[in-house]
């Protein structure tokens, strides 16, 4: 494996060198950066031209300019030398501008990529396990629909309906009975398709699930409308505890299929401890820092791991993983409760316009930790959804196709023949091999998206890598474009290398 990584590293270095030469030549030949100054009628025209020639080294041959840029940029990776990506045509430090743009884009891309991968893989797995069912057809239709929609059109629709219309609705957040009936019917069909198979003897169970889901959804929607929950949202300690216990049951099903009661009791104990501890964390969570929250999360992991270690005598590793997942979900519910509690105060600070439509933050915003988090999250919401919808199709299709292909393999049929449960066959054996194509897609998506989602950033007014690249190319400014390309190329090469290494973990046959 080390030899393989070393070979990939050497090849990647030479690939980057050749590509930087090609891109530098193309950008430098794309236009004359002095053209905007030729129309300057001020007395400083000649001085400005001379300064730009000096800053951009336009008096040097093209190959020499590229070599000089490469030598200065090598300080970004070689120890003992300063990182210097040059200056823009206006004399600004490219490295400082790159840091600002990259920080804004990474914040957007990571959230969108992770959500798209998690939701896409989950939808693809469910679609494969319910092949040719209503869920399968619905996921397939949604995937092709999202993939075919233009990003700029989706962005405009999101701004209109998920921001403008939703903000207006929050003034009087009432859900009418017809709307509640439609949403409850959709909920009933969804839950029955997810929980009930296609066997002939499952018809009665399907209608029972539909009835329970319809009645529960209708009651919840009417209750939330009556108490104006959407204007003053919150979970409360009791709901947090119930959600934590439900997460514990889900973790036990995921890791053990409820075959051993000890693991379920361990997960429930972890959730109960987390649900009770939240009562004593009020002063700590009133205005915390990210470091404080991280320490609390580590403490939750430690408690979950300890409970799993004590309770999982037969299979401690699995019990520890299940309890740590339960602790993470419990911490997430507590965090969500505090975020919801800060919504009314944040809404007053932004004049009731809860969902932002432009920019990466409210100018000159001043608030506590939870209000600042809400400000960042609401500005992230629309561009994240736009990017996620486009990527969702690829992840769901690859996950579905990969899992269907693996389920027909001999080793999967052998696993079923020796008596393993369907959960163990899918999660422990089939899914790992099916995730190999998804890993490739995720690696390429992360690498290219870090380069900047140009259209999405433009529509939503984000000052990220997309705007950084467009401004550099418009002049053209080789230093600015090369800084963009350097980040993009290194990200693609790095993530594809990580994907190759991940193959060996997902499929042991790759190690040979």
Protein backbone atom coordinates (compact mmCIF):
# COMPACT_ATOMS: atom_id res chain seq x y z
CA UNK A 1 0.00 0.00 0.00
CA UNK A 2 2.85 2.42 0.80
CA UNK A 3 4.47 1.72 -2.56
CA UNK A 4 1.15 2.36 -4.28
CA UNK A 5 0.69 5.70 -2.47
CA UNK A 6 4.29 6.72 -3.30
CA UNK A 7 3.77 5.97 -7.00
CA UNK A 8 0.53 7.94 -7.05
CA UNK A 9 2.26 10.87 -5.35
CA UNK A 10 5.11 10.99 -7.87
CA UNK A 11 2.74 10.77 -10.83
CA UNK A 12 0.54 13.46 -9.31
CA UNK A 13 3.48 15.86 -8.91
CA UNK A 14 4.48 15.59 -12.57
CA UNK A 15 0.82 15.91 -13.62
CA UNK A 16 0.47 19.11 -11.62
CA UNK A 17 3.67 20.58 -13.10
CA UNK A 18 2.57 19.90 -16.67
CA UNK A 19 -0.93 21.19 -16.09
CA UNK A 20 0.23 24.43 -14.43
CA UNK A 21 2.42 25.16 -17.46
CA UNK A 22 -0.49 24.59 -19.85
CA UNK A 23 -2.97 26.68 -17.85
CA UNK A 24 -0.48 29.52 -17.31
CA UNK A 25 0.21 29.77 -21.03
CA UNK A 26 -3.50 29.71 -21.91
CA UNK A 27 -4.40 32.44 -19.41
CA UNK A 28 -1.45 34.63 -20.35
CA UNK A 29 -2.42 34.42 -24.04
CA UNK A 30 -6.12 35.05 -23.34
CA UNK A 31 -5.75 38.82 -23.33
CA UNK A 32 -3.66 41.83 -22.39
CA UNK A 33 -4.02 42.91 -18.73
CA UNK A 34 -2.85 46.41 -19.73
CA UNK A 35 -5.85 47.04 -22.00
CA UNK A 36 -8.06 48.64 -19.28
CA UNK A 37 -5.28 51.16 -18.56
CA UNK A 38 -4.88 52.31 -22.15
CA UNK A 39 -8.18 54.22 -21.92
CA UNK A 40 -7.17 55.97 -18.69
CA UNK A 41 -7.10 59.77 -19.23
CA UNK A 42 -5.49 60.68 -15.90
CA UNK A 43 -1.98 62.03 -15.48
CA UNK A 44 -0.92 58.84 -13.70
CA UNK A 45 -1.65 56.64 -16.75
CA UNK A 46 1.97 55.85 -17.57
CA UNK A 47 2.84 55.28 -13.93
CA UNK A 48 -0.07 52.85 -13.56
CA UNK A 49 1.01 50.93 -16.65
CA UNK A 50 4.60 50.72 -15.41
CA UNK A 51 3.44 49.55 -11.99
CA UNK A 52 1.24 46.82 -13.47
CA UNK A 53 4.07 45.66 -15.72
CA UNK A 54 6.31 45.38 -12.67
CA UNK A 55 3.73 43.66 -10.46
CA UNK A 56 2.76 41.08 -13.11
CA UNK A 57 6.30 40.69 -14.53
CA UNK A 58 5.01 41.46 -18.03
CA UNK A 59 8.49 42.52 -19.17
CA UNK A 60 9.72 38.91 -18.89
CA UNK A 61 9.33 36.09 -21.43
CA UNK A 62 6.32 33.88 -20.85
CA UNK A 63 8.28 30.76 -19.90
CA UNK A 64 10.40 32.75 -17.48
CA UNK A 65 7.27 34.23 -15.89
CA UNK A 66 5.85 30.72 -15.37
CA UNK A 67 9.12 29.48 -13.87
CA UNK A 68 9.23 32.43 -11.49
CA UNK A 69 5.63 31.83 -10.43
CA UNK A 70 6.34 28.13 -9.91
CA UNK A 71 9.41 28.87 -7.77
CA UNK A 72 7.52 31.32 -5.57
CA UNK A 73 4.47 29.04 -5.29
CA UNK A 74 6.64 26.06 -4.32
CA UNK A 75 7.12 27.75 -0.94
CA UNK A 76 3.51 26.80 -0.17
CA UNK A 77 4.51 23.11 0.03
CA UNK A 78 8.25 23.13 0.68
CA UNK A 79 9.45 23.79 4.26
CA UNK A 80 11.69 26.72 5.04
CA UNK A 81 10.31 29.03 2.35
CA UNK A 82 7.49 31.57 2.39
CA UNK A 83 4.36 30.92 0.38
CA UNK A 84 4.08 33.59 -2.33
CA UNK A 85 1.38 33.41 -5.01
CA UNK A 86 2.15 36.88 -6.33
CA UNK A 87 -0.05 39.93 -6.50
CA UNK A 88 -3.14 40.78 -8.49
CA UNK A 89 -3.16 43.40 -11.21
CA UNK A 90 -4.35 45.91 -8.58
CA UNK A 91 -1.44 45.07 -6.28
CA UNK A 92 -3.37 43.00 -3.70
CA UNK A 93 -1.84 39.90 -2.14
CA UNK A 94 -3.25 36.85 -3.97
CA UNK A 95 -2.68 34.55 -0.99
CA UNK A 96 -4.78 36.75 1.32
CA UNK A 97 -7.63 36.93 -1.21
CA UNK A 98 -7.40 33.17 -1.77
CA UNK A 99 -7.76 32.44 1.94
CA UNK A 100 -10.93 34.50 2.18
CA UNK A 101 -12.45 32.94 -0.95
CA UNK A 102 -11.44 29.39 -0.01
CA UNK A 103 -12.84 29.71 3.52
CA UNK A 104 -16.21 30.85 2.17
CA UNK A 105 -16.38 28.08 -0.45
CA UNK A 106 -15.24 25.26 1.84
CA UNK A 107 -17.95 26.18 4.32
CA UNK A 108 -20.54 25.86 1.56
CA UNK A 109 -19.14 22.83 -0.26
CA UNK A 110 -18.51 20.55 2.71
CA UNK A 111 -22.06 20.85 4.03
CA UNK A 112 -23.59 20.33 0.57
CA UNK A 113 -21.33 17.38 -0.30
CA UNK A 114 -21.82 15.56 3.00
CA UNK A 115 -25.60 15.98 2.94
CA UNK A 116 -25.82 14.95 -0.72
CA UNK A 117 -23.69 11.85 -0.09
CA UNK A 118 -25.56 10.75 3.05
CA UNK A 119 -29.05 11.35 1.67
CA UNK A 120 -28.17 10.07 -1.81
CA UNK A 121 -26.62 6.84 -0.55
CA UNK A 122 -29.51 6.27 1.87
CA UNK A 123 -32.06 6.81 -0.91
CA UNK A 124 -30.10 4.57 -3.27
CA UNK A 125 -29.88 1.74 -0.73
CA UNK A 126 -33.60 1.91 0.07
CA UNK A 127 -34.36 2.06 -3.65
CA UNK A 128 -32.26 -1.05 -4.31
CA UNK A 129 -33.79 -3.01 -1.43
CA UNK A 130 -37.28 -2.00 -2.66
CA UNK A 131 -36.54 -2.59 -6.34
CA UNK A 132 -39.41 -1.73 -8.72
CA UNK A 133 -41.58 -0.58 -5.80
CA UNK A 134 -43.19 2.83 -5.40
CA UNK A 135 -40.16 4.06 -3.44
CA UNK A 136 -37.82 2.91 -6.20
CA UNK A 137 -39.82 4.70 -8.89
CA UNK A 138 -40.13 7.85 -6.77
CA UNK A 139 -36.39 8.01 -6.03
CA UNK A 140 -35.55 7.36 -9.67
CA UNK A 141 -37.94 10.09 -10.83
CA UNK A 142 -36.55 12.58 -8.28
CA UNK A 143 -32.96 11.76 -9.20
CA UNK A 144 -33.44 12.33 -12.92
CA UNK A 145 -35.54 15.44 -12.25
CA UNK A 146 -32.92 17.06 -10.02
CA UNK A 147 -30.10 16.08 -12.37
CA UNK A 148 -31.81 17.63 -15.40
CA UNK A 149 -32.74 20.95 -13.77
CA UNK A 150 -30.42 23.92 -14.49
CA UNK A 151 -28.66 25.08 -11.33
CA UNK A 152 -29.43 28.77 -11.88
CA UNK A 153 -33.14 28.00 -12.34
CA UNK A 154 -33.24 25.89 -9.17
CA UNK A 155 -31.47 28.69 -7.30
CA UNK A 156 -34.02 31.29 -8.42
CA UNK A 157 -36.94 29.02 -7.44
CA UNK A 158 -35.40 28.41 -4.03
CA UNK A 159 -34.99 32.13 -3.44
CA UNK A 160 -38.61 32.77 -4.36
CA UNK A 161 -40.40 29.93 -2.58
CA UNK A 162 -38.05 28.80 0.19
CA UNK A 163 -37.02 32.32 1.20
CA UNK A 164 -39.38 35.09 0.08
CA UNK A 165 -42.65 33.15 0.29
CA UNK A 166 -41.60 31.28 3.44
CA UNK A 167 -40.56 34.49 5.21
CA UNK A 168 -43.93 36.03 4.34
CA UNK A 169 -45.73 32.92 5.59
CA UNK A 170 -43.93 33.13 8.93
CA UNK A 171 -45.80 36.36 9.69
CA UNK A 172 -48.93 34.21 10.23
CA UNK A 173 -47.74 30.57 10.13
CA UNK A 174 -51.02 28.71 9.72
CA UNK A 175 -51.41 25.30 8.04
CA UNK A 176 -54.89 24.83 6.64
CA UNK A 177 -56.79 21.57 6.85
CA UNK A 178 -56.53 20.78 3.08
CA UNK A 179 -52.77 21.26 3.18
CA UNK A 180 -52.50 19.09 6.28
CA UNK A 181 -54.53 16.33 4.60
CA UNK A 182 -52.28 16.33 1.53
CA UNK A 183 -49.09 16.30 3.58
CA UNK A 184 -50.44 13.54 5.82
CA UNK A 185 -51.34 11.42 2.79
CA UNK A 186 -47.82 11.83 1.43
CA UNK A 187 -46.42 10.86 4.82
CA UNK A 188 -48.63 7.77 4.95
CA UNK A 189 -47.55 6.57 1.51
CA UNK A 190 -43.89 7.23 2.30
CA UNK A 191 -43.84 5.35 5.60
CA UNK A 192 -45.76 2.38 4.21
CA UNK A 193 -43.37 2.12 1.28
CA UNK A 194 -40.33 2.29 3.57
CA UNK A 195 -41.51 -0.09 6.30
CA UNK A 196 -43.58 -2.69 4.44
CA UNK A 197 -42.32 -5.07 1.77
CA UNK A 198 -44.14 -6.36 -1.29
CA UNK A 199 -45.27 -9.70 0.11
CA UNK A 200 -48.90 -10.68 -0.32
CA UNK A 201 -49.40 -11.11 3.42
CA UNK A 202 -48.21 -7.55 4.08
CA UNK A 203 -51.30 -5.84 2.66
CA UNK A 204 -53.02 -5.53 6.02
CA UNK A 205 -49.82 -4.30 7.68
CA UNK A 206 -49.40 -1.72 4.91
CA UNK A 207 -52.83 -0.23 5.57
CA UNK A 208 -52.20 -0.22 9.32
CA UNK A 209 -48.95 1.70 8.81
CA UNK A 210 -50.69 4.11 6.46
CA UNK A 211 -53.47 4.75 8.92
CA UNK A 212 -51.13 5.34 11.85
CA UNK A 213 -48.83 7.59 9.80
CA UNK A 214 -51.76 9.58 8.37
CA UNK A 215 -53.41 10.14 11.74
CA UNK A 216 -50.15 10.99 13.50
CA UNK A 217 -49.03 13.42 10.79
CA UNK A 218 -52.40 15.16 10.69
CA UNK A 219 -52.47 15.56 14.47
CA UNK A 220 -48.90 16.86 14.63
CA UNK A 221 -49.41 19.38 11.80
CA UNK A 222 -52.61 20.74 13.31
CA UNK A 223 -51.02 20.99 16.75
CA UNK A 224 -47.95 22.82 15.41
CA UNK A 225 -50.21 25.21 13.51
CA UNK A 226 -52.39 25.88 16.57
CA UNK A 227 -49.47 26.74 18.86
CA UNK A 228 -47.63 28.72 16.12
CA UNK A 229 -44.63 26.45 16.51
CA UNK A 230 -43.02 27.69 13.30
CA UNK A 231 -42.80 31.20 14.73
CA UNK A 232 -41.47 30.04 18.11
CA UNK A 233 -39.96 26.58 17.45
CA UNK A 234 -38.56 24.31 20.12
CA UNK A 235 -38.29 20.68 21.16
CA UNK A 236 -38.21 20.73 24.93
CA UNK A 237 -36.43 18.35 27.26
CA UNK A 238 -39.14 15.69 27.03
CA UNK A 239 -39.12 15.56 23.22
CA UNK A 240 -35.31 15.52 23.22
CA UNK A 241 -35.37 12.51 25.54
CA UNK A 242 -37.92 10.70 23.34
CA UNK A 243 -35.90 11.41 20.20
CA UNK A 244 -32.74 10.19 21.92
CA UNK A 245 -34.45 6.93 22.92
CA UNK A 246 -35.73 6.51 19.34
CA UNK A 247 -32.19 7.07 18.06
CA UNK A 248 -30.95 4.43 20.49
CA UNK A 249 -33.43 1.92 19.12
CA UNK A 250 -32.37 2.80 15.58
CA UNK A 251 -28.69 2.35 16.42
CA UNK A 252 -29.42 -1.05 17.99
CA UNK A 253 -31.32 -2.13 14.87
CA UNK A 254 -28.51 -0.90 12.62
CA UNK A 255 -25.69 -2.65 14.46
CA UNK A 256 -27.41 -5.76 15.80
CA UNK A 257 -30.93 -6.09 14.43
CA UNK A 258 -32.28 -6.40 18.01
CA UNK A 259 -30.93 -9.95 18.27
CA UNK A 260 -29.29 -9.28 21.62
CA UNK A 261 -31.11 -7.32 24.26
CA UNK A 262 -27.91 -6.21 26.01
CA UNK A 263 -26.92 -3.96 23.10
CA UNK A 264 -30.39 -2.37 22.97
CA UNK A 265 -30.33 -1.75 26.73
CA UNK A 266 -26.85 -0.23 26.44
CA UNK A 267 -28.01 2.18 23.72
CA UNK A 268 -31.12 3.09 25.71
CA UNK A 269 -28.99 3.70 28.81
CA UNK A 270 -26.69 5.98 26.80
CA UNK A 271 -29.67 7.95 25.50
CA UNK A 272 -31.20 8.18 28.98
CA UNK A 273 -27.95 9.51 30.45
CA UNK A 274 -27.69 12.11 27.69
CA UNK A 275 -31.33 13.11 28.07
CA UNK A 276 -30.95 13.60 31.82
CA UNK A 277 -27.60 15.40 31.63
CA UNK A 278 -29.13 18.12 29.43
CA UNK A 279 -30.95 19.51 32.49
CA UNK A 280 -27.65 20.40 34.11
CA UNK A 281 -26.02 21.89 31.02
CA UNK A 282 -28.22 25.00 30.83
CA UNK A 283 -25.60 27.48 32.12
CA UNK A 284 -22.85 25.93 30.00
CA UNK A 285 -24.92 26.01 26.80
CA UNK A 286 -26.31 29.50 27.29
CA UNK A 287 -23.52 31.07 25.20
CA UNK A 288 -20.85 28.43 24.54
CA UNK A 289 -17.95 28.28 22.11
CA UNK A 290 -17.21 25.63 19.49
CA UNK A 291 -14.39 24.34 21.67
CA UNK A 292 -16.78 23.90 24.61
CA UNK A 293 -19.24 22.00 22.41
CA UNK A 294 -16.44 19.79 21.12
CA UNK A 295 -15.36 18.94 24.67
CA UNK A 296 -18.96 18.06 25.56
CA UNK A 297 -19.20 15.84 22.47
CA UNK A 298 -15.98 14.05 23.40
CA UNK A 299 -17.35 13.52 26.91
CA UNK A 300 -20.56 12.09 25.42
CA UNK A 301 -18.51 9.71 23.26
CA UNK A 302 -16.52 8.61 26.30
CA UNK A 303 -19.68 7.89 28.30
CA UNK A 304 -21.22 6.00 25.39
CA UNK A 305 -18.05 3.99 24.82
CA UNK A 306 -17.85 3.11 28.53
CA UNK A 307 -21.48 1.94 28.62
CA UNK A 308 -20.97 -0.10 25.47
CA UNK A 309 -17.79 -1.67 26.82
CA UNK A 310 -19.45 -2.73 30.04
CA UNK A 311 -22.65 -4.00 28.45
CA UNK A 312 -21.22 -5.63 25.31
CA UNK A 313 -19.54 -8.64 26.84
CA UNK A 314 -20.01 -10.83 23.75
CA UNK A 315 -19.15 -8.19 21.14
CA UNK A 316 -17.71 -5.11 22.79
CA UNK A 317 -16.58 -3.44 19.55
CA UNK A 318 -20.08 -3.45 18.08
CA UNK A 319 -21.67 -2.30 21.34
CA UNK A 320 -19.19 0.57 21.66
CA UNK A 321 -19.90 1.75 18.10
CA UNK A 322 -23.66 1.59 18.66
CA UNK A 323 -23.46 3.52 21.94
CA UNK A 324 -21.12 6.15 20.47
CA UNK A 325 -23.59 6.66 17.60
CA UNK A 326 -26.41 6.97 20.15
CA UNK A 327 -24.41 9.54 22.12
CA UNK A 328 -23.76 11.53 18.92
CA UNK A 329 -27.44 11.56 18.00
CA UNK A 330 -28.43 12.57 21.52
CA UNK A 331 -25.95 15.45 21.42
CA UNK A 332 -27.38 16.46 18.04
CA UNK A 333 -30.92 16.62 19.45
CA UNK A 334 -29.77 18.75 22.40
CA UNK A 335 -27.92 21.06 20.01
CA UNK A 336 -31.00 21.34 17.76
CA UNK A 337 -33.20 22.23 20.74
CA UNK A 338 -30.96 25.16 21.65
CA UNK A 339 -30.83 26.33 18.02
CA UNK A 340 -34.63 26.32 17.82
CA UNK A 341 -34.87 28.23 21.08
CA UNK A 342 -32.77 31.05 19.61
CA UNK A 343 -35.01 31.52 16.53
CA UNK A 344 -37.33 34.23 17.99
CA UNK A 345 -34.41 36.40 19.14
CA UNK A 346 -32.62 35.98 15.80
CA UNK A 347 -35.81 36.74 13.87
CA UNK A 348 -36.10 40.08 15.67
CA UNK A 349 -32.50 40.93 14.76
CA UNK A 350 -33.14 40.34 11.04
CA UNK A 351 -36.62 41.95 10.95
CA UNK A 352 -38.43 38.67 10.52
CA UNK A 353 -36.64 37.65 7.32
CA UNK A 354 -35.43 34.34 8.71
CA UNK A 355 -34.12 32.72 5.50
CA UNK A 356 -31.48 34.83 3.76
CA UNK A 357 -31.36 35.13 -0.02
CA UNK A 358 -27.94 36.65 -0.67
CA UNK A 359 -24.48 36.77 0.84
CA UNK A 360 -22.67 34.54 3.29
CA UNK A 361 -23.64 36.53 6.39
CA UNK A 362 -25.55 39.56 7.65
CA UNK A 363 -23.31 42.68 7.54
CA UNK A 364 -22.27 43.94 10.96
CA UNK A 365 -24.28 41.23 12.70
CA UNK A 366 -23.85 41.05 16.49
CA UNK A 367 -25.37 38.24 18.51
CA UNK A 368 -24.53 35.42 20.89
CA UNK A 369 -23.29 31.99 19.79
CA UNK A 370 -26.69 30.55 18.85
CA UNK A 371 -27.81 33.67 16.97
CA UNK A 372 -24.52 33.78 15.07
CA UNK A 373 -24.89 30.09 14.20
CA UNK A 374 -28.41 30.74 12.93
CA UNK A 375 -27.16 33.61 10.81
CA UNK A 376 -24.50 31.42 9.20
CA UNK A 377 -26.92 28.51 8.78
CA UNK A 378 -29.70 30.55 7.17
CA UNK A 379 -27.26 32.05 4.68
CA UNK A 380 -25.95 28.57 3.92
CA UNK A 381 -29.40 27.03 3.46
CA UNK A 382 -30.35 28.00 -0.08
CA UNK A 383 -26.98 27.51 -1.85
CA UNK A 384 -26.48 24.24 0.03
CA UNK A 385 -29.86 22.92 -1.10
CA UNK A 386 -29.14 23.99 -4.69
CA UNK A 387 -25.80 22.14 -4.79
CA UNK A 388 -27.19 19.15 -2.90
CA UNK A 389 -30.08 18.58 -5.30
CA UNK A 390 -27.73 18.42 -8.27
CA UNK A 391 -25.33 15.98 -6.56
CA UNK A 392 -28.10 13.85 -5.03
CA UNK A 393 -28.89 12.18 -8.37
CA UNK A 394 -25.40 10.82 -8.91
CA UNK A 395 -25.03 9.40 -5.41
CA UNK A 396 -28.45 7.73 -5.40
CA UNK A 397 -27.99 6.19 -8.85
CA UNK A 398 -24.48 4.86 -8.15
CA UNK A 399 -25.53 3.50 -4.75
CA UNK A 400 -28.57 1.75 -6.20
CA UNK A 401 -26.72 0.27 -9.18
CA UNK A 402 -23.76 -0.80 -7.06
CA UNK A 403 -25.89 -2.50 -4.42
CA UNK A 404 -28.05 -4.32 -6.98
CA UNK A 405 -24.92 -5.59 -8.69
CA UNK A 406 -23.35 -6.77 -5.43
CA UNK A 407 -26.53 -8.50 -4.18
CA UNK A 408 -26.25 -10.94 -7.10
CA UNK A 409 -22.67 -11.95 -6.24
CA UNK A 410 -21.84 -15.45 -5.01
CA UNK A 411 -20.43 -14.35 -1.66
CA UNK A 412 -23.67 -12.52 -0.83
CA UNK A 413 -25.73 -15.61 -1.63
CA UNK A 414 -23.32 -17.65 0.50
CA UNK A 415 -23.78 -15.22 3.41
CA UNK A 416 -27.53 -15.71 3.18
CA UNK A 417 -27.16 -19.48 2.89
CA UNK A 418 -25.17 -19.78 6.12
CA UNK A 419 -28.01 -18.08 8.03
CA UNK A 420 -26.92 -14.45 8.38
CA UNK A 421 -29.73 -11.95 8.82
CA UNK A 422 -30.68 -9.70 5.92
CA UNK A 423 -29.41 -6.69 7.87
CA UNK A 424 -25.98 -8.30 8.33
CA UNK A 425 -25.82 -9.34 4.68
CA UNK A 426 -26.64 -5.85 3.42
CA UNK A 427 -24.77 -3.68 5.93
CA UNK A 428 -21.72 -5.81 6.69
CA UNK A 429 -21.06 -7.47 3.32
CA UNK A 430 -22.90 -5.99 0.34
CA UNK A 431 -22.89 -2.29 1.17
CA UNK A 432 -19.13 -1.99 1.60
CA UNK A 433 -18.44 -3.19 -1.93
CA UNK A 434 -21.32 -1.14 -3.33
CA UNK A 435 -19.81 2.05 -1.87
CA UNK A 436 -16.71 1.88 -4.08
CA UNK A 437 -18.31 3.74 -7.04
CA UNK A 438 -19.84 6.24 -4.60
CA UNK A 439 -16.38 6.89 -3.15
CA UNK A 440 -15.09 7.81 -6.59
CA UNK A 441 -17.98 10.21 -7.20
CA UNK A 442 -17.55 11.80 -3.76
CA UNK A 443 -13.82 12.32 -4.28
CA UNK A 444 -14.32 14.03 -7.64
CA UNK A 445 -17.23 16.12 -6.34
CA UNK A 446 -15.27 17.40 -3.36
CA UNK A 447 -12.29 18.27 -5.54
CA UNK A 448 -14.27 20.12 -8.19
CA UNK A 449 -16.70 21.85 -5.81
CA UNK A 450 -13.84 23.26 -3.74
CA UNK A 451 -12.76 24.93 -6.97
CA UNK A 452 -15.93 26.92 -6.73
CA UNK A 453 -19.55 26.49 -7.70
CA UNK A 454 -19.41 29.51 -9.99
CA UNK A 455 -23.09 29.73 -10.96
CA UNK A 456 -24.41 29.01 -7.47
CA UNK A 457 -22.09 31.51 -5.84
CA UNK A 458 -23.03 34.16 -8.41
CA UNK A 459 -26.78 33.74 -7.93
CA UNK A 460 -26.56 33.84 -4.13
CA UNK A 461 -23.89 36.57 -3.95
CA UNK A 462 -21.20 34.47 -2.28
CA UNK A 463 -17.64 35.81 -2.43
CA UNK A 464 -16.01 32.43 -2.86
CA UNK A 465 -13.70 30.63 -5.25
CA UNK A 466 -16.13 31.05 -8.14
CA UNK A 467 -16.08 34.85 -7.98
CA UNK A 468 -12.31 34.73 -7.35
CA UNK A 469 -11.81 32.75 -10.59
CA UNK A 470 -14.19 34.85 -12.72
CA UNK A 471 -12.53 38.12 -11.65
CA UNK A 472 -9.07 36.76 -12.46
CA UNK A 473 -10.11 35.40 -15.84
CA UNK A 474 -11.89 38.60 -16.90
CA UNK A 475 -8.69 40.69 -16.90
CA UNK A 476 -6.92 38.16 -17.39
CA UNK A 477 -4.67 37.87 -14.33
CA UNK A 478 -2.46 34.73 -14.42
CA UNK A 479 -1.53 34.98 -10.75
CA UNK A 480 -5.17 34.99 -9.61
CA UNK A 481 -6.26 32.25 -12.02
CA UNK A 482 -3.26 30.08 -11.16
CA UNK A 483 -4.02 30.37 -7.44
CA UNK A 484 -7.54 29.13 -8.18
CA UNK A 485 -6.22 26.32 -10.38
CA UNK A 486 -3.57 25.30 -7.85
CA UNK A 487 -6.19 24.78 -5.14
CA UNK A 488 -8.53 22.93 -7.51
CA UNK A 489 -5.85 20.66 -8.96
CA UNK A 490 -4.36 19.78 -5.58
CA UNK A 491 -7.85 19.09 -4.19
CA UNK A 492 -8.76 16.76 -7.08
CA UNK A 493 -5.46 14.86 -6.89
CA UNK A 494 -5.61 14.60 -3.10
CA UNK A 495 -9.20 13.40 -2.94
CA UNK A 496 -8.75 10.85 -5.74
CA UNK A 497 -5.71 9.47 -3.91
CA UNK A 498 -7.73 9.24 -0.70
CA UNK A 499 -10.45 7.46 -2.67
CA UNK A 500 -7.95 4.89 -3.95
CA UNK A 501 -6.81 4.21 -0.39
CA UNK A 502 -10.44 3.95 0.75
CA UNK A 503 -11.01 1.22 -1.86
CA UNK A 504 -8.69 -1.07 0.07
CA UNK A 505 -10.70 -0.56 3.26
CA UNK A 506 -14.07 -1.05 1.59
CA UNK A 507 -13.03 -4.11 -0.44
CA UNK A 508 -10.16 -6.24 0.95
CA UNK A 509 -9.61 -7.74 -2.52
CA UNK A 510 -8.17 -4.41 -3.65
CA UNK A 511 -5.27 -4.82 -1.21
CA UNK A 512 -3.96 -7.72 -3.27
